N, C-alpha and C. Protein backbone atom coordinates (compact mmCIF):
# COMPACT_ATOMS: atom_id res chain seq x y z
N TYR A 1 7.75 0.36 12.68
CA TYR A 1 6.73 0.66 11.69
C TYR A 1 7.18 0.13 10.34
N ALA A 2 6.23 -0.06 9.47
CA ALA A 2 6.49 -0.47 8.10
C ALA A 2 5.40 0.13 7.22
N LYS A 3 5.81 0.69 6.10
CA LYS A 3 4.84 1.19 5.14
C LYS A 3 5.45 1.13 3.75
N GLY A 4 4.60 1.07 2.76
CA GLY A 4 5.12 0.98 1.40
C GLY A 4 4.03 1.09 0.38
N GLY A 5 4.44 1.06 -0.86
CA GLY A 5 3.49 1.14 -1.95
C GLY A 5 4.17 0.75 -3.25
N ALA A 6 3.38 0.67 -4.29
CA ALA A 6 3.91 0.30 -5.60
C ALA A 6 3.21 1.11 -6.67
N LEU A 7 3.94 1.41 -7.71
CA LEU A 7 3.42 2.12 -8.87
C LEU A 7 3.64 1.20 -10.07
N VAL A 8 2.56 0.84 -10.75
CA VAL A 8 2.65 -0.02 -11.93
C VAL A 8 2.17 0.79 -13.12
N ARG A 9 2.98 0.78 -14.17
CA ARG A 9 2.66 1.53 -15.38
C ARG A 9 2.76 0.59 -16.58
N ARG A 10 1.82 0.68 -17.49
CA ARG A 10 1.88 -0.15 -18.68
C ARG A 10 2.23 0.71 -19.89
N GLU A 11 2.92 0.10 -20.83
CA GLU A 11 3.36 0.81 -22.02
C GLU A 11 3.13 -0.09 -23.24
N ALA A 12 2.39 0.40 -24.20
CA ALA A 12 2.14 -0.36 -25.43
C ALA A 12 3.38 -0.33 -26.30
N GLU A 13 3.77 -1.51 -26.78
CA GLU A 13 4.89 -1.62 -27.72
C GLU A 13 4.43 -2.38 -28.95
N GLY A 14 3.46 -1.84 -29.61
CA GLY A 14 2.91 -2.50 -30.78
C GLY A 14 1.50 -2.99 -30.49
N PRO A 15 0.85 -3.55 -31.50
CA PRO A 15 -0.54 -3.95 -31.33
C PRO A 15 -0.75 -5.13 -30.39
N ASP A 16 0.25 -6.00 -30.24
CA ASP A 16 0.07 -7.20 -29.43
C ASP A 16 1.01 -7.29 -28.23
N VAL A 17 1.73 -6.21 -27.93
CA VAL A 17 2.73 -6.26 -26.86
C VAL A 17 2.50 -5.11 -25.89
N THR A 18 2.41 -5.44 -24.61
CA THR A 18 2.34 -4.44 -23.55
C THR A 18 3.43 -4.75 -22.54
N VAL A 19 4.19 -3.74 -22.16
CA VAL A 19 5.25 -3.89 -21.17
C VAL A 19 4.80 -3.25 -19.87
N LEU A 20 4.96 -3.97 -18.76
CA LEU A 20 4.65 -3.41 -17.45
C LEU A 20 5.94 -2.96 -16.77
N HIS A 21 5.90 -1.76 -16.23
CA HIS A 21 7.01 -1.22 -15.45
C HIS A 21 6.50 -1.06 -14.03
N TYR A 22 7.33 -1.38 -13.04
CA TYR A 22 6.87 -1.19 -11.67
C TYR A 22 7.99 -0.65 -10.79
N GLU A 23 7.59 0.16 -9.85
CA GLU A 23 8.48 0.73 -8.85
C GLU A 23 7.87 0.46 -7.49
N VAL A 24 8.69 0.01 -6.57
CA VAL A 24 8.22 -0.31 -5.23
C VAL A 24 8.98 0.56 -4.24
N ASP A 25 8.25 1.07 -3.28
CA ASP A 25 8.86 1.89 -2.23
C ASP A 25 8.46 1.29 -0.89
N ALA A 26 9.45 0.96 -0.08
CA ALA A 26 9.17 0.42 1.25
C ALA A 26 10.02 1.15 2.27
N GLN A 27 9.42 1.44 3.40
CA GLN A 27 10.13 2.11 4.48
C GLN A 27 9.84 1.34 5.76
N ILE A 28 10.89 1.03 6.49
CA ILE A 28 10.72 0.37 7.77
C ILE A 28 11.56 1.09 8.81
N GLY A 29 11.15 0.98 10.06
CA GLY A 29 11.88 1.63 11.13
C GLY A 29 11.76 0.84 12.42
N GLY A 30 12.39 1.33 13.43
CA GLY A 30 12.33 0.69 14.74
C GLY A 30 13.07 -0.63 14.79
N LYS A 31 12.62 -1.52 15.65
CA LYS A 31 13.27 -2.83 15.83
C LYS A 31 13.26 -3.64 14.54
N LEU A 32 12.19 -3.51 13.77
CA LEU A 32 12.09 -4.25 12.52
C LEU A 32 13.26 -3.90 11.60
N ALA A 33 13.58 -2.64 11.50
CA ALA A 33 14.69 -2.21 10.64
C ALA A 33 16.02 -2.70 11.19
N GLN A 34 16.17 -2.71 12.49
CA GLN A 34 17.42 -3.17 13.09
C GLN A 34 17.66 -4.65 12.85
N LEU A 35 16.58 -5.42 12.85
CA LEU A 35 16.72 -6.87 12.75
C LEU A 35 16.78 -7.40 11.33
N GLY A 36 16.08 -6.76 10.38
CA GLY A 36 16.03 -7.42 9.10
C GLY A 36 15.76 -6.57 7.88
N ALA A 37 16.30 -5.37 7.80
CA ALA A 37 16.03 -4.50 6.66
C ALA A 37 16.46 -5.16 5.35
N ARG A 38 17.61 -5.76 5.31
CA ARG A 38 18.09 -6.40 4.08
C ARG A 38 17.24 -7.60 3.71
N LEU A 39 16.87 -8.38 4.71
CA LEU A 39 16.03 -9.55 4.47
C LEU A 39 14.67 -9.14 3.92
N ILE A 40 14.10 -8.10 4.48
CA ILE A 40 12.79 -7.61 4.02
C ILE A 40 12.90 -7.10 2.59
N ASP A 41 13.95 -6.38 2.28
CA ASP A 41 14.13 -5.84 0.93
C ASP A 41 14.28 -6.97 -0.08
N SER A 42 15.10 -7.95 0.20
CA SER A 42 15.29 -9.05 -0.76
C SER A 42 14.03 -9.89 -0.89
N THR A 43 13.29 -10.08 0.19
CA THR A 43 12.04 -10.84 0.13
C THR A 43 10.99 -10.10 -0.69
N ALA A 44 10.91 -8.79 -0.52
CA ALA A 44 9.96 -7.98 -1.29
C ALA A 44 10.27 -8.07 -2.78
N ARG A 45 11.54 -8.01 -3.14
CA ARG A 45 11.94 -8.12 -4.55
C ARG A 45 11.58 -9.50 -5.11
N LYS A 46 11.81 -10.53 -4.31
CA LYS A 46 11.50 -11.89 -4.74
C LYS A 46 10.01 -12.06 -4.97
N ILE A 47 9.20 -11.58 -4.04
CA ILE A 47 7.74 -11.71 -4.16
C ILE A 47 7.23 -10.94 -5.37
N ALA A 48 7.76 -9.74 -5.60
CA ALA A 48 7.34 -8.95 -6.77
C ALA A 48 7.71 -9.69 -8.06
N GLY A 49 8.90 -10.26 -8.11
CA GLY A 49 9.32 -11.01 -9.29
C GLY A 49 8.43 -12.21 -9.54
N GLU A 50 8.08 -12.93 -8.48
CA GLU A 50 7.19 -14.09 -8.61
C GLU A 50 5.80 -13.67 -9.08
N PHE A 51 5.31 -12.58 -8.55
CA PHE A 51 3.99 -12.08 -8.96
C PHE A 51 3.97 -11.78 -10.45
N PHE A 52 4.94 -11.01 -10.93
CA PHE A 52 4.93 -10.62 -12.33
C PHE A 52 5.22 -11.81 -13.25
N ALA A 53 6.00 -12.78 -12.81
CA ALA A 53 6.20 -13.99 -13.61
C ALA A 53 4.89 -14.75 -13.75
N SER A 54 4.17 -14.91 -12.65
CA SER A 54 2.87 -15.61 -12.69
C SER A 54 1.86 -14.82 -13.50
N PHE A 55 1.85 -13.52 -13.34
CA PHE A 55 0.96 -12.65 -14.11
C PHE A 55 1.21 -12.82 -15.60
N GLY A 56 2.47 -12.83 -15.99
CA GLY A 56 2.83 -13.00 -17.39
C GLY A 56 2.38 -14.34 -17.95
N GLU A 57 2.49 -15.39 -17.13
CA GLU A 57 2.04 -16.71 -17.57
C GLU A 57 0.53 -16.72 -17.79
N VAL A 58 -0.21 -16.13 -16.87
CA VAL A 58 -1.68 -16.10 -16.99
C VAL A 58 -2.11 -15.28 -18.19
N VAL A 59 -1.53 -14.12 -18.35
CA VAL A 59 -1.89 -13.25 -19.47
C VAL A 59 -1.47 -13.89 -20.79
N GLY A 60 -0.32 -14.52 -20.81
CA GLY A 60 0.14 -15.19 -22.02
C GLY A 60 -0.78 -16.32 -22.44
N LYS A 61 -1.28 -17.07 -21.46
CA LYS A 61 -2.21 -18.16 -21.76
C LYS A 61 -3.52 -17.61 -22.29
N THR A 62 -3.97 -16.50 -21.72
CA THR A 62 -5.23 -15.88 -22.15
C THR A 62 -5.12 -15.42 -23.59
N VAL A 63 -4.00 -14.78 -23.92
CA VAL A 63 -3.80 -14.28 -25.28
C VAL A 63 -3.68 -15.46 -26.24
N SER A 64 -2.90 -16.48 -25.86
CA SER A 64 -2.71 -17.65 -26.73
C SER A 64 -4.03 -18.38 -26.95
N ALA A 65 -4.83 -18.49 -25.90
CA ALA A 65 -6.10 -19.20 -26.01
C ALA A 65 -7.07 -18.45 -26.91
N GLY A 66 -6.98 -17.13 -26.90
CA GLY A 66 -7.89 -16.31 -27.70
C GLY A 66 -7.47 -16.20 -29.15
N ALA A 67 -6.22 -16.55 -29.45
CA ALA A 67 -5.71 -16.39 -30.82
C ALA A 67 -6.15 -17.51 -31.75
């Protein structure tokens, strides 16, 4: 089995700055856990990092274009 979720929270740090905080929880069991728990964990972290990097680029372009 595999299940998980994420909690994303935003925090204003001034009029033009917002910081996103995120927590991810993943649980795996059975054969999947025996074969690749570490691989799944590192891949999940990598994908989350890529998502937020891309998100930051898109949001940054939107703000820059509107300024």
